[in-house]
Each structure stands twice: as structure tokens, then as C-alpha cells.
Amino acid sequence: MATFTKGILSESDEGQAFGLSTGGHETIHTGPTATTSYDEVWMYVSNAYSADEELYLGWGAGGGEPANQMRFTVPTKAGYFLVVPGLILKGNASPLIVTGYASASNRLNLVGYVNHITA
């Protein structure tokens, strides 16, 4: 029987929201290394700045630039906006990672959690 354990994004400081900078992908979460483990990732972003901002997420890279990239326009002052709706990272000897950057530094706040699933 599988077990589920809720946890924080690996790069989050005690589950706190964190801002993304510009200039390239920074790691947000690192997936599991056991091939029988999965991470179900949920992420939300908010924008308190006075104009819409862009968020760029990389999904599932094993290192370097991500193969799969997503781009979001985050509306200003609209509360939390769901950007990753429970997508899965499967365990890999070279763990898969989620990365991101923003169109401007310290304007977007990213929060989330992970459901760690083991078989």
C-alpha cells in the first residue's frame, strides 16, 4: 500500500513564500531519488506589484536548463494563482527538478507543498 506524506518545497525556508529573481532558472524543488517514490507538486504564485508580471517555470530537468518550460502571466493584486496543479515528479537516480524565474525580481511570491508518495 502506498503512503502519502505532505511536505514543503525543498528550497522553501520552513514552508514560507519566497520571491524569484530574474536572470535564469533557480531551483524551487528537487524530486525524489528512489524510483519507487513520487512527488505530487502544488504551487501557487501571487503578485502584489502594480502591473502584471511573468513567471517562467522549468519542469523535470535533471540538471541544467529544463526541457519543459511553462510561462504564466500573473495578474496584479489577484490573490494566489494556481500554477502547478499536482503534477508528478517520479523518482530518478538523478533527481528531477522544478526551476523558475520571474520577469522582475521580488515582485512575485511563490508558495506550495508536495505530497511525497512511496510505493
PDB file of N, CA and C in Angstrom:
ATOM      1  N   MET A   1       0.830  -1.168   0.000  1.00  0.00           N
ATOM      2  CA  MET A   1       0.000   0.000   0.000  1.00  0.00           C
ATOM      3  C   MET A   1       0.890   1.251   0.000  1.00  0.00           C
ATOM      4  N   ALA A   2       0.533   2.220  -0.804  1.00  0.00           N
ATOM      5  CA  ALA A   2       1.296   3.465  -0.904  1.00  0.00           C
ATOM      6  C   ALA A   2       1.084   4.326   0.338  1.00  0.00           C
ATOM      7  N   THR A   3       2.113   5.100   0.683  1.00  0.00           N
ATOM      8  CA  THR A   3       1.993   6.050   1.778  1.00  0.00           C
ATOM      9  C   THR A   3       2.129   7.467   1.231  1.00  0.00           C
ATOM     10  N   PHE A   4       1.387   8.399   1.819  1.00  0.00           N
ATOM     11  CA  PHE A   4       1.404   9.801   1.431  1.00  0.00           C
ATOM     12  C   PHE A   4       1.871  10.626   2.625  1.00  0.00           C
ATOM     13  N   THR A   5       2.825  11.507   2.379  1.00  0.00           N
ATOM     14  CA  THR A   5       3.310  12.411   3.414  1.00  0.00           C
ATOM     15  C   THR A   5       3.383  13.810   2.827  1.00  0.00           C
ATOM     16  N   LYS A   6       2.715  14.764   3.462  1.00  0.00           N
ATOM     17  CA  LYS A   6       2.741  16.140   2.978  1.00  0.00           C
ATOM     18  C   LYS A   6       4.032  16.800   3.446  1.00  0.00           C
ATOM     19  N   GLY A   7       4.673  17.568   2.529  1.00  0.00           N
ATOM     20  CA  GLY A   7       5.907  18.253   2.871  1.00  0.00           C
ATOM     21  C   GLY A   7       5.997  19.596   2.171  1.00  0.00           C
ATOM     22  N   ILE A   8       7.054  20.322   2.466  1.00  0.00           N
ATOM     23  CA  ILE A   8       7.278  21.628   1.856  1.00  0.00           C
ATOM     24  C   ILE A   8       8.145  21.482   0.611  1.00  0.00           C
ATOM     25  N   LEU A   9       8.115  22.487  -0.243  1.00  0.00           N
ATOM     26  CA  LEU A   9       9.013  22.519  -1.394  1.00  0.00           C
ATOM     27  C   LEU A   9      10.444  22.508  -0.866  1.00  0.00           C
ATOM     28  N   SER A  10      11.324  21.753  -1.491  1.00  0.00           N
ATOM     29  CA  SER A  10      12.659  21.536  -0.949  1.00  0.00           C
ATOM     30  C   SER A  10      13.472  22.815  -0.771  1.00  0.00           C
ATOM     31  N   GLU A  11      13.232  23.842  -1.565  1.00  0.00           N
ATOM     32  CA  GLU A  11      14.005  25.078  -1.451  1.00  0.00           C
ATOM     33  C   GLU A  11      13.289  26.159  -0.641  1.00  0.00           C
ATOM     34  N   SER A  12      12.125  25.825  -0.103  1.00  0.00           N
ATOM     35  CA  SER A  12      11.375  26.777   0.715  1.00  0.00           C
ATOM     36  C   SER A  12      11.961  26.811   2.120  1.00  0.00           C
ATOM     37  N   ASP A  13      12.020  27.984   2.706  1.00  0.00           N
ATOM     38  CA  ASP A  13      12.504  28.150   4.066  1.00  0.00           C
ATOM     39  C   ASP A  13      11.351  27.913   5.028  1.00  0.00           C
ATOM     40  N   GLU A  14      11.259  26.692   5.547  1.00  0.00           N
ATOM     41  CA  GLU A  14      10.220  26.305   6.507  1.00  0.00           C
ATOM     42  C   GLU A  14       8.808  26.502   5.971  1.00  0.00           C
ATOM     43  N   GLY A  15       8.629  26.367   4.668  1.00  0.00           N
ATOM     44  CA  GLY A  15       7.312  26.489   4.064  1.00  0.00           C
ATOM     45  C   GLY A  15       6.888  27.907   3.751  1.00  0.00           C
ATOM     46  N   GLN A  16       7.781  28.868   3.964  1.00  0.00           N
ATOM     47  CA  GLN A  16       7.462  30.271   3.703  1.00  0.00           C
ATOM     48  C   GLN A  16       7.439  30.558   2.207  1.00  0.00           C
ATOM     49  N   ALA A  17       6.687  31.588   1.822  1.00  0.00           N
ATOM     50  CA  ALA A  17       6.692  32.060   0.432  1.00  0.00           C
ATOM     51  C   ALA A  17       8.078  32.606   0.124  1.00  0.00           C
ATOM     52  N   PHE A  18       8.492  32.459  -1.118  1.00  0.00           N
ATOM     53  CA  PHE A  18       9.777  33.042  -1.493  1.00  0.00           C
ATOM     54  C   PHE A  18       9.666  33.721  -2.840  1.00  0.00           C
ATOM     55  N   GLY A  19      10.490  34.739  -3.034  1.00  0.00           N
ATOM     56  CA  GLY A  19      10.496  35.501  -4.270  1.00  0.00           C
ATOM     57  C   GLY A  19      11.473  34.913  -5.263  1.00  0.00           C
ATOM     58  N   LEU A  20      11.165  35.059  -6.520  1.00  0.00           N
ATOM     59  CA  LEU A  20      12.060  34.593  -7.577  1.00  0.00           C
ATOM     60  C   LEU A  20      12.758  35.793  -8.194  1.00  0.00           C
ATOM     61  N   SER A  21      13.978  35.593  -8.619  1.00  0.00           N
ATOM     62  CA  SER A  21      14.727  36.669  -9.258  1.00  0.00           C
ATOM     63  C   SER A  21      14.708  36.495 -10.770  1.00  0.00           C
ATOM     64  N   THR A  22      15.365  37.392 -11.458  1.00  0.00           N
ATOM     65  CA  THR A  22      15.492  37.319 -12.909  1.00  0.00           C
ATOM     66  C   THR A  22      16.840  36.699 -13.249  1.00  0.00           C
ATOM     67  N   GLY A  23      17.079  36.459 -14.518  1.00  0.00           N
ATOM     68  CA  GLY A  23      18.403  36.066 -14.961  1.00  0.00           C
ATOM     69  C   GLY A  23      18.684  34.585 -15.000  1.00  0.00           C
ATOM     70  N   GLY A  24      17.691  33.754 -14.959  1.00  0.00           N
ATOM     71  CA  GLY A  24      17.938  32.326 -15.119  1.00  0.00           C
ATOM     72  C   GLY A  24      17.208  31.493 -14.088  1.00  0.00           C
ATOM     73  N   HIS A  25      17.075  30.237 -14.416  1.00  0.00           N
ATOM     74  CA  HIS A  25      16.322  29.298 -13.586  1.00  0.00           C
ATOM     75  C   HIS A  25      17.041  29.037 -12.265  1.00  0.00           C
ATOM     76  N   GLU A  26      16.283  29.149 -11.172  1.00  0.00           N
ATOM     77  CA  GLU A  26      16.793  28.747  -9.869  1.00  0.00           C
ATOM     78  C   GLU A  26      15.921  27.597  -9.373  1.00  0.00           C
ATOM     79  N   THR A  27      16.495  26.706  -8.606  1.00  0.00           N
ATOM     80  CA  THR A  27      15.778  25.524  -8.143  1.00  0.00           C
ATOM     81  C   THR A  27      14.702  25.904  -7.130  1.00  0.00           C
ATOM     82  N   ILE A  28      13.506  25.350  -7.354  1.00  0.00           N
ATOM     83  CA  ILE A  28      12.381  25.529  -6.439  1.00  0.00           C
ATOM     84  C   ILE A  28      12.151  24.241  -5.641  1.00  0.00           C
ATOM     85  N   HIS A  29      12.227  23.107  -6.346  1.00  0.00           N
ATOM     86  CA  HIS A  29      12.024  21.812  -5.680  1.00  0.00           C
ATOM     87  C   HIS A  29      12.818  20.729  -6.395  1.00  0.00           C
ATOM     88  N   THR A  30      13.382  19.848  -5.599  1.00  0.00           N
ATOM     89  CA  THR A  30      14.110  18.682  -6.117  1.00  0.00           C
ATOM     90  C   THR A  30      13.320  17.434  -5.775  1.00  0.00           C
ATOM     91  N   GLY A  31      13.028  16.630  -6.792  1.00  0.00           N
ATOM     92  CA  GLY A  31      12.240  15.416  -6.612  1.00  0.00           C
ATOM     93  C   GLY A  31      13.013  14.301  -5.937  1.00  0.00           C
ATOM     94  N   PRO A  32      12.354  13.158  -5.708  1.00  0.00           N
ATOM     95  CA  PRO A  32      12.976  12.035  -5.013  1.00  0.00           C
ATOM     96  C   PRO A  32      13.995  11.296  -5.885  1.00  0.00           C
ATOM     97  N   THR A  33      14.854  10.525  -5.223  1.00  0.00           N
ATOM     98  CA  THR A  33      15.850   9.730  -5.949  1.00  0.00           C
ATOM     99  C   THR A  33      15.464   8.255  -6.045  1.00  0.00           C
ATOM    100  N   ALA A  34      14.582   7.778  -5.193  1.00  0.00           N
ATOM    101  CA  ALA A  34      14.144   6.379  -5.251  1.00  0.00           C
ATOM    102  C   ALA A  34      13.132   6.212  -6.377  1.00  0.00           C
ATOM    103  N   THR A  35      13.343   5.213  -7.232  1.00  0.00           N
ATOM    104  CA  THR A  35      12.468   5.021  -8.393  1.00  0.00           C
ATOM    105  C   THR A  35      11.060   4.562  -8.013  1.00  0.00           C
ATOM    106  N   THR A  36      10.849   4.204  -6.755  1.00  0.00           N
ATOM    107  CA  THR A  36       9.513   3.813  -6.290  1.00  0.00           C
ATOM    108  C   THR A  36       8.815   4.957  -5.563  1.00  0.00           C
ATOM    109  N   SER A  37       9.378   6.150  -5.655  1.00  0.00           N
ATOM    110  CA  SER A  37       8.806   7.321  -4.990  1.00  0.00           C
ATOM    111  C   SER A  37       8.361   8.357  -6.013  1.00  0.00           C
ATOM    112  N   TYR A  38       7.372   9.135  -5.618  1.00  0.00           N
ATOM    113  CA  TYR A  38       6.823  10.191  -6.466  1.00  0.00           C
ATOM    114  C   TYR A  38       6.591  11.435  -5.610  1.00  0.00           C
ATOM    115  N   ASP A  39       6.710  12.593  -6.207  1.00  0.00           N
ATOM    116  CA  ASP A  39       6.312  13.839  -5.559  1.00  0.00           C
ATOM    117  C   ASP A  39       5.187  14.459  -6.380  1.00  0.00           C
ATOM    118  N   GLU A  40       4.066  14.703  -5.725  1.00  0.00           N
ATOM    119  CA  GLU A  40       2.943  15.420  -6.320  1.00  0.00           C
ATOM    120  C   GLU A  40       3.111  16.881  -5.896  1.00  0.00           C
ATOM    121  N   VAL A  41       3.355  17.760  -6.866  1.00  0.00           N
ATOM    122  CA  VAL A  41       3.741  19.142  -6.579  1.00  0.00           C
ATOM    123  C   VAL A  41       2.571  20.094  -6.826  1.00  0.00           C
ATOM    124  N   TRP A  42       2.323  20.964  -5.837  1.00  0.00           N
ATOM    125  CA  TRP A  42       1.306  22.004  -5.926  1.00  0.00           C
ATOM    126  C   TRP A  42       1.994  23.335  -5.669  1.00  0.00           C
ATOM    127  N   MET A  43       1.820  24.302  -6.583  1.00  0.00           N
ATOM    128  CA  MET A  43       2.437  25.615  -6.397  1.00  0.00           C
ATOM    129  C   MET A  43       1.455  26.720  -6.774  1.00  0.00           C
ATOM    130  N   TYR A  44       1.540  27.798  -6.007  1.00  0.00           N
ATOM    131  CA  TYR A  44       0.714  28.979  -6.201  1.00  0.00           C
ATOM    132  C   TYR A  44       1.624  30.198  -6.235  1.00  0.00           C
ATOM    133  N   VAL A  45       1.214  31.225  -6.974  1.00  0.00           N
ATOM    134  CA  VAL A  45       2.001  32.453  -7.041  1.00  0.00           C
ATOM    135  C   VAL A  45       1.064  33.639  -6.852  1.00  0.00           C
ATOM    136  N   SER A  46       1.560  34.680  -6.214  1.00  0.00           N
ATOM    137  CA  SER A  46       0.798  35.915  -6.081  1.00  0.00           C
ATOM    138  C   SER A  46       1.661  37.085  -6.530  1.00  0.00           C
ATOM    139  N   ASN A  47       0.994  38.165  -6.920  1.00  0.00           N
ATOM    140  CA  ASN A  47       1.665  39.349  -7.448  1.00  0.00           C
ATOM    141  C   ASN A  47       1.062  40.576  -6.763  1.00  0.00           C
ATOM    142  N   ALA A  48       1.851  41.200  -5.876  1.00  0.00           N
ATOM    143  CA  ALA A  48       1.377  42.402  -5.179  1.00  0.00           C
ATOM    144  C   ALA A  48       1.870  43.673  -5.855  1.00  0.00           C
ATOM    145  N   TYR A  49       2.587  43.524  -6.962  1.00  0.00           N
ATOM    146  CA  TYR A  49       3.097  44.687  -7.680  1.00  0.00           C
ATOM    147  C   TYR A  49       1.944  45.367  -8.429  1.00  0.00           C
ATOM    148  N   SER A  50       2.182  46.550  -8.970  1.00  0.00           N
ATOM    149  CA  SER A  50       1.119  47.339  -9.608  1.00  0.00           C
ATOM    150  C   SER A  50       0.849  46.976 -11.071  1.00  0.00           C
ATOM    151  N   ALA A  51       1.580  46.025 -11.617  1.00  0.00           N
ATOM    152  CA  ALA A  51       1.363  45.595 -13.004  1.00  0.00           C
ATOM    153  C   ALA A  51       1.501  44.080 -13.080  1.00  0.00           C
ATOM    154  N   ASP A  52       0.953  43.487 -14.135  1.00  0.00           N
ATOM    155  CA  ASP A  52       1.112  42.053 -14.351  1.00  0.00           C
ATOM    156  C   ASP A  52       2.591  41.716 -14.513  1.00  0.00           C
ATOM    157  N   GLU A  53       2.975  40.511 -14.069  1.00  0.00           N
ATOM    158  CA  GLU A  53       4.357  40.039 -14.165  1.00  0.00           C
ATOM    159  C   GLU A  53       4.376  38.653 -14.797  1.00  0.00           C
ATOM    160  N   GLU A  54       5.509  38.282 -15.358  1.00  0.00           N
ATOM    161  CA  GLU A  54       5.682  36.973 -15.989  1.00  0.00           C
ATOM    162  C   GLU A  54       6.426  36.022 -15.053  1.00  0.00           C
ATOM    163  N   LEU A  55       5.973  34.785 -15.017  1.00  0.00           N
ATOM    164  CA  LEU A  55       6.619  33.710 -14.271  1.00  0.00           C
ATOM    165  C   LEU A  55       7.008  32.631 -15.264  1.00  0.00           C
ATOM    166  N   TYR A  56       8.229  32.139 -15.159  1.00  0.00           N
ATOM    167  CA  TYR A  56       8.737  31.077 -16.025  1.00  0.00           C
ATOM    168  C   TYR A  56       9.103  29.897 -15.140  1.00  0.00           C
ATOM    169  N   LEU A  57       8.514  28.726 -15.409  1.00  0.00           N
ATOM    170  CA  LEU A  57       8.825  27.524 -14.654  1.00  0.00           C
ATOM    171  C   LEU A  57       9.435  26.488 -15.579  1.00  0.00           C
ATOM    172  N   GLY A  58      10.451  25.810 -15.081  1.00  0.00           N
ATOM    173  CA  GLY A  58      11.042  24.670 -15.777  1.00  0.00           C
ATOM    174  C   GLY A  58      10.620  23.411 -15.046  1.00  0.00           C
ATOM    175  N   TRP A  59      10.285  22.376 -15.791  1.00  0.00           N
ATOM    176  CA  TRP A  59       9.729  21.169 -15.184  1.00  0.00           C
ATOM    177  C   TRP A  59      10.533  19.941 -15.553  1.00  0.00           C
ATOM    178  N   GLY A  60      11.004  19.207 -14.539  1.00  0.00           N
ATOM    179  CA  GLY A  60      11.562  17.884 -14.742  1.00  0.00           C
ATOM    180  C   GLY A  60      12.975  17.801 -15.261  1.00  0.00           C
ATOM    181  N   ALA A  61      13.737  18.848 -15.189  1.00  0.00           N
ATOM    182  CA  ALA A  61      15.119  18.784 -15.664  1.00  0.00           C
ATOM    183  C   ALA A  61      15.964  17.957 -14.704  1.00  0.00           C
ATOM    184  N   GLY A  62      16.932  17.259 -15.247  1.00  0.00           N
ATOM    185  CA  GLY A  62      17.871  16.508 -14.431  1.00  0.00           C
ATOM    186  C   GLY A  62      19.113  17.322 -14.137  1.00  0.00           C
ATOM    187  N   GLY A  63      19.176  18.535 -14.576  1.00  0.00           N
ATOM    188  CA  GLY A  63      20.329  19.414 -14.398  1.00  0.00           C
ATOM    189  C   GLY A  63      20.422  20.337 -15.596  1.00  0.00           C
ATOM    190  N   GLY A  64      20.901  21.529 -15.397  1.00  0.00           N
ATOM    191  CA  GLY A  64      20.997  22.487 -16.497  1.00  0.00           C
ATOM    192  C   GLY A  64      19.640  23.073 -16.841  1.00  0.00           C
ATOM    193  N   GLU A  65      19.495  23.571 -18.051  1.00  0.00           N
ATOM    194  CA  GLU A  65      18.236  24.173 -18.491  1.00  0.00           C
ATOM    195  C   GLU A  65      17.157  23.098 -18.623  1.00  0.00           C
ATOM    196  N   PRO A  66      15.954  23.372 -18.162  1.00  0.00           N
ATOM    197  CA  PRO A  66      14.874  22.395 -18.224  1.00  0.00           C
ATOM    198  C   PRO A  66      14.398  22.159 -19.650  1.00  0.00           C
ATOM    199  N   ALA A  67      13.992  20.928 -19.911  1.00  0.00           N
ATOM    200  CA  ALA A  67      13.477  20.577 -21.230  1.00  0.00           C
ATOM    201  C   ALA A  67      12.057  21.096 -21.426  1.00  0.00           C
ATOM    202  N   ASN A  68      11.297  21.140 -20.360  1.00  0.00           N
ATOM    203  CA  ASN A  68       9.897  21.567 -20.431  1.00  0.00           C
ATOM    204  C   ASN A  68       9.741  22.876 -19.681  1.00  0.00           C
ATOM    205  N   GLN A  69       9.339  23.916 -20.391  1.00  0.00           N
ATOM    206  CA  GLN A  69       9.182  25.216 -19.762  1.00  0.00           C
ATOM    207  C   GLN A  69       7.738  25.691 -19.889  1.00  0.00           C
ATOM    208  N   MET A  70       7.288  26.382 -18.837  1.00  0.00           N
ATOM    209  CA  MET A  70       5.944  26.945 -18.809  1.00  0.00           C
ATOM    210  C   MET A  70       6.068  28.434 -18.544  1.00  0.00           C
ATOM    211  N   ARG A  71       5.194  29.211 -19.148  1.00  0.00           N
ATOM    212  CA  ARG A  71       5.209  30.663 -18.945  1.00  0.00           C
ATOM    213  C   ARG A  71       3.807  31.106 -18.531  1.00  0.00           C
ATOM    214  N   PHE A  72       3.749  31.932 -17.488  1.00  0.00           N
ATOM    215  CA  PHE A  72       2.483  32.416 -16.954  1.00  0.00           C
ATOM    216  C   PHE A  72       2.513  33.929 -16.849  1.00  0.00           C
ATOM    217  N   THR A  73       1.404  34.564 -17.155  1.00  0.00           N
ATOM    218  CA  THR A  73       1.218  35.974 -16.830  1.00  0.00           C
ATOM    219  C   THR A  73       0.444  36.004 -15.526  1.00  0.00           C
ATOM    220  N   VAL A  74       1.057  36.573 -14.503  1.00  0.00           N
ATOM    221  CA  VAL A  74       0.448  36.609 -13.176  1.00  0.00           C
ATOM    222  C   VAL A  74      -0.209  37.969 -12.987  1.00  0.00           C
ATOM    223  N   PRO A  75      -1.536  37.994 -12.883  1.00  0.00           N
ATOM    224  CA  PRO A  75      -2.241  39.272 -12.768  1.00  0.00           C
ATOM    225  C   PRO A  75      -1.934  39.980 -11.452  1.00  0.00           C
ATOM    226  N   THR A  76      -1.938  41.287 -11.516  1.00  0.00           N
ATOM    227  CA  THR A  76      -1.655  42.090 -10.328  1.00  0.00           C
ATOM    228  C   THR A  76      -2.798  42.015  -9.316  1.00  0.00           C
ATOM    229  N   LYS A  77      -2.427  41.940  -8.070  1.00  0.00           N
ATOM    230  CA  LYS A  77      -3.361  42.028  -6.942  1.00  0.00           C
ATOM    231  C   LYS A  77      -4.579  41.116  -7.075  1.00  0.00           C
ATOM    232  N   ALA A  78      -4.359  39.892  -7.530  1.00  0.00           N
ATOM    233  CA  ALA A  78      -5.461  38.956  -7.749  1.00  0.00           C
ATOM    234  C   ALA A  78      -5.437  37.784  -6.767  1.00  0.00           C
ATOM    235  N   GLY A  79      -4.635  37.868  -5.718  1.00  0.00           N
ATOM    236  CA  GLY A  79      -4.535  36.762  -4.764  1.00  0.00           C
ATOM    237  C   GLY A  79      -3.641  35.655  -5.296  1.00  0.00           C
ATOM    238  N   TYR A  80      -3.775  34.482  -4.706  1.00  0.00           N
ATOM    239  CA  TYR A  80      -2.950  33.355  -5.157  1.00  0.00           C
ATOM    240  C   TYR A  80      -3.519  32.752  -6.430  1.00  0.00           C
ATOM    241  N   PHE A  81      -2.624  32.405  -7.337  1.00  0.00           N
ATOM    242  CA  PHE A  81      -2.932  31.901  -8.669  1.00  0.00           C
ATOM    243  C   PHE A  81      -2.283  30.525  -8.780  1.00  0.00           C
ATOM    244  N   LEU A  82      -3.060  29.466  -9.043  1.00  0.00           N
ATOM    245  CA  LEU A  82      -2.531  28.107  -9.142  1.00  0.00           C
ATOM    246  C   LEU A  82      -1.715  27.947 -10.418  1.00  0.00           C
ATOM    247  N   VAL A  83      -0.447  27.551 -10.289  1.00  0.00           N
ATOM    248  CA  VAL A  83       0.403  27.366 -11.469  1.00  0.00           C
ATOM    249  C   VAL A  83       0.859  25.919 -11.656  1.00  0.00           C
ATOM    250  N   VAL A  84       0.895  25.129 -10.602  1.00  0.00           N
ATOM    251  CA  VAL A  84       1.219  23.703 -10.733  1.00  0.00           C
ATOM    252  C   VAL A  84       0.159  22.918  -9.972  1.00  0.00           C
ATOM    253  N   PRO A  85      -0.759  22.261 -10.698  1.00  0.00           N
ATOM    254  CA  PRO A  85      -1.911  21.601 -10.074  1.00  0.00           C
ATOM    255  C   PRO A  85      -1.690  20.121  -9.767  1.00  0.00           C
ATOM    256  N   GLY A  86      -0.703  19.815  -8.940  1.00  0.00           N
ATOM    257  CA  GLY A  86      -0.499  18.422  -8.551  1.00  0.00           C
ATOM    258  C   GLY A  86       0.205  17.581  -9.589  1.00  0.00           C
ATOM    259  N   LEU A  87       1.094  18.179 -10.346  1.00  0.00           N
ATOM    260  CA  LEU A  87       1.868  17.410 -11.331  1.00  0.00           C
ATOM    261  C   LEU A  87       2.874  16.508 -10.610  1.00  0.00           C
ATOM    262  N   ILE A  88       3.236  15.415 -11.256  1.00  0.00           N
ATOM    263  CA  ILE A  88       4.047  14.371 -10.627  1.00  0.00           C
ATOM    264  C   ILE A  88       5.495  14.411 -11.108  1.00  0.00           C
ATOM    265  N   LEU A  89       6.417  14.279 -10.144  1.00  0.00           N
ATOM    266  CA  LEU A  89       7.823  14.006 -10.441  1.00  0.00           C
ATOM    267  C   LEU A  89       8.103  12.595  -9.952  1.00  0.00           C
ATOM    268  N   LYS A  90       8.510  11.695 -10.867  1.00  0.00           N
ATOM    269  CA  LYS A  90       8.839  10.322 -10.494  1.00  0.00           C
ATOM    270  C   LYS A  90      10.284  10.267 -10.045  1.00  0.00           C
ATOM    271  N   GLY A  91      10.540   9.457  -9.035  1.00  0.00           N
ATOM    272  CA  GLY A  91      11.898   9.290  -8.533  1.00  0.00           C
ATOM    273  C   GLY A  91      12.860   8.851  -9.628  1.00  0.00           C
ATOM    274  N   ASN A  92      14.063   9.360  -9.559  1.00  0.00           N
ATOM    275  CA  ASN A  92      15.086   9.103 -10.562  1.00  0.00           C
ATOM    276  C   ASN A  92      16.436   9.184  -9.859  1.00  0.00           C
ATOM    277  N   ALA A  93      17.395   8.345 -10.253  1.00  0.00           N
ATOM    278  CA  ALA A  93      18.724   8.370  -9.635  1.00  0.00           C
ATOM    279  C   ALA A  93      19.328   9.770  -9.712  1.00  0.00           C
ATOM    280  N   SER A  94      19.112  10.462 -10.842  1.00  0.00           N
ATOM    281  CA  SER A  94      19.446  11.888 -10.953  1.00  0.00           C
ATOM    282  C   SER A  94      18.123  12.616 -10.781  1.00  0.00           C
ATOM    283  N   PRO A  95      17.863  13.166  -9.594  1.00  0.00           N
ATOM    284  CA  PRO A  95      16.516  13.676  -9.307  1.00  0.00           C
ATOM    285  C   PRO A  95      16.065  14.751 -10.287  1.00  0.00           C
ATOM    286  N   LEU A  96      14.788  14.714 -10.611  1.00  0.00           N
ATOM    287  CA  LEU A  96      14.180  15.724 -11.463  1.00  0.00           C
ATOM    288  C   LEU A  96      13.904  16.963 -10.629  1.00  0.00           C
ATOM    289  N   ILE A  97      14.004  18.129 -11.255  1.00  0.00           N
ATOM    290  CA  ILE A  97      13.850  19.370 -10.505  1.00  0.00           C
ATOM    291  C   ILE A  97      12.826  20.291 -11.156  1.00  0.00           C
ATOM    292  N   VAL A  98      12.287  21.192 -10.331  1.00  0.00           N
ATOM    293  CA  VAL A  98      11.423  22.270 -10.788  1.00  0.00           C
ATOM    294  C   VAL A  98      12.204  23.562 -10.562  1.00  0.00           C
ATOM    295  N   THR A  99      12.290  24.380 -11.595  1.00  0.00           N
ATOM    296  CA  THR A  99      13.045  25.628 -11.514  1.00  0.00           C
ATOM    297  C   THR A  99      12.142  26.789 -11.904  1.00  0.00           C
ATOM    298  N   GLY A 100      12.621  28.002 -11.674  1.00  0.00           N
ATOM    299  CA  GLY A 100      11.823  29.150 -12.070  1.00  0.00           C
ATOM    300  C   GLY A 100      12.590  30.447 -12.015  1.00  0.00           C
ATOM    301  N   TYR A 101      12.026  31.432 -12.697  1.00  0.00           N
ATOM    302  CA  TYR A 101      12.495  32.810 -12.599  1.00  0.00           C
ATOM    303  C   TYR A 101      11.344  33.721 -12.990  1.00  0.00           C
ATOM    304  N   ALA A 102      11.504  35.015 -12.701  1.00  0.00           N
ATOM    305  CA  ALA A 102      10.439  35.985 -12.937  1.00  0.00           C
ATOM    306  C   ALA A 102      10.925  37.090 -13.856  1.00  0.00           C
ATOM    307  N   SER A 103       9.966  37.853 -14.388  1.00  0.00           N
ATOM    308  CA  SER A 103      10.318  38.968 -15.278  1.00  0.00           C
ATOM    309  C   SER A 103      10.955  40.119 -14.519  1.00  0.00           C
ATOM    310  N   ALA A 104      10.744  40.194 -13.217  1.00  0.00           N
ATOM    311  CA  ALA A 104      11.369  41.208 -12.369  1.00  0.00           C
ATOM    312  C   ALA A 104      11.563  40.599 -10.981  1.00  0.00           C
ATOM    313  N   SER A 105      12.640  40.957 -10.319  1.00  0.00           N
ATOM    314  CA  SER A 105      12.952  40.380  -9.014  1.00  0.00           C
ATOM    315  C   SER A 105      12.025  40.884  -7.914  1.00  0.00           C
ATOM    316  N   ASN A 106      11.707  39.960  -7.001  1.00  0.00           N
ATOM    317  CA  ASN A 106      10.997  40.278  -5.759  1.00  0.00           C
ATOM    318  C   ASN A 106       9.626  40.924  -5.951  1.00  0.00           C
ATOM    319  N   ARG A 107       8.928  40.551  -7.012  1.00  0.00           N
ATOM    320  CA  ARG A 107       7.555  41.025  -7.212  1.00  0.00           C
ATOM    321  C   ARG A 107       6.539  39.898  -7.107  1.00  0.00           C
ATOM    322  N   LEU A 108       6.999  38.675  -7.332  1.00  0.00           N
ATOM    323  CA  LEU A 108       6.126  37.509  -7.237  1.00  0.00           C
ATOM    324  C   LEU A 108       6.480  36.711  -5.993  1.00  0.00           C
ATOM    325  N   ASN A 109       5.461  36.191  -5.322  1.00  0.00           N
ATOM    326  CA  ASN A 109       5.661  35.322  -4.163  1.00  0.00           C
ATOM    327  C   ASN A 109       5.157  33.930  -4.512  1.00  0.00           C
ATOM    328  N   LEU A 110       6.014  32.940  -4.350  1.00  0.00           N
ATOM    329  CA  LEU A 110       5.699  31.561  -4.697  1.00  0.00           C
ATOM    330  C   LEU A 110       5.570  30.741  -3.419  1.00  0.00           C
ATOM    331  N   VAL A 111       4.510  29.968  -3.314  1.00  0.00           N
ATOM    332  CA  VAL A 111       4.302  29.055  -2.191  1.00  0.00           C
ATOM    333  C   VAL A 111       3.831  27.719  -2.748  1.00  0.00           C
ATOM    334  N   GLY A 112       3.906  26.700  -1.933  1.00  0.00           N
ATOM    335  CA  GLY A 112       3.422  25.407  -2.381  1.00  0.00           C
ATOM    336  C   GLY A 112       3.725  24.316  -1.384  1.00  0.00           C
ATOM    337  N   TYR A 113       3.388  23.118  -1.790  1.00  0.00           N
ATOM    338  CA  TYR A 113       3.659  21.946  -0.970  1.00  0.00           C
ATOM    339  C   TYR A 113       3.800  20.741  -1.883  1.00  0.00           C
ATOM    340  N   VAL A 114       4.243  19.637  -1.283  1.00  0.00           N
ATOM    341  CA  VAL A 114       4.476  18.409  -2.020  1.00  0.00           C
ATOM    342  C   VAL A 114       3.829  17.266  -1.243  1.00  0.00           C
ATOM    343  N   ASN A 115       3.140  16.390  -1.936  1.00  0.00           N
ATOM    344  CA  ASN A 115       2.714  15.122  -1.365  1.00  0.00           C
ATOM    345  C   ASN A 115       3.737  14.082  -1.793  1.00  0.00           C
ATOM    346  N   HIS A 116       4.537  13.599  -0.824  1.00  0.00           N
ATOM    347  CA  HIS A 116       5.524  12.555  -1.101  1.00  0.00           C
ATOM    348  C   HIS A 116       4.782  11.219  -1.082  1.00  0.00           C
ATOM    349  N   ILE A 117       4.918  10.464  -2.166  1.00  0.00           N
ATOM    350  CA  ILE A 117       4.213   9.192  -2.294  1.00  0.00           C
ATOM    351  C   ILE A 117       5.252   8.088  -2.460  1.00  0.00           C
ATOM    352  N   THR A 118       5.177   7.058  -1.619  1.00  0.00           N
ATOM    353  CA  THR A 118       6.076   5.914  -1.742  1.00  0.00           C
ATOM    354  C   THR A 118       5.256   4.644  -1.898  1.00  0.00           C
ATOM    355  N   ALA A 119       5.751   3.778  -2.757  1.00  0.00           N
ATOM    356  CA  ALA A 119       5.029   2.524  -3.027  1.00  0.00           C
ATOM    357  C   ALA A 119       5.325   1.490  -1.958  1.00  0.00           C
TER     358      ALA A 119
END
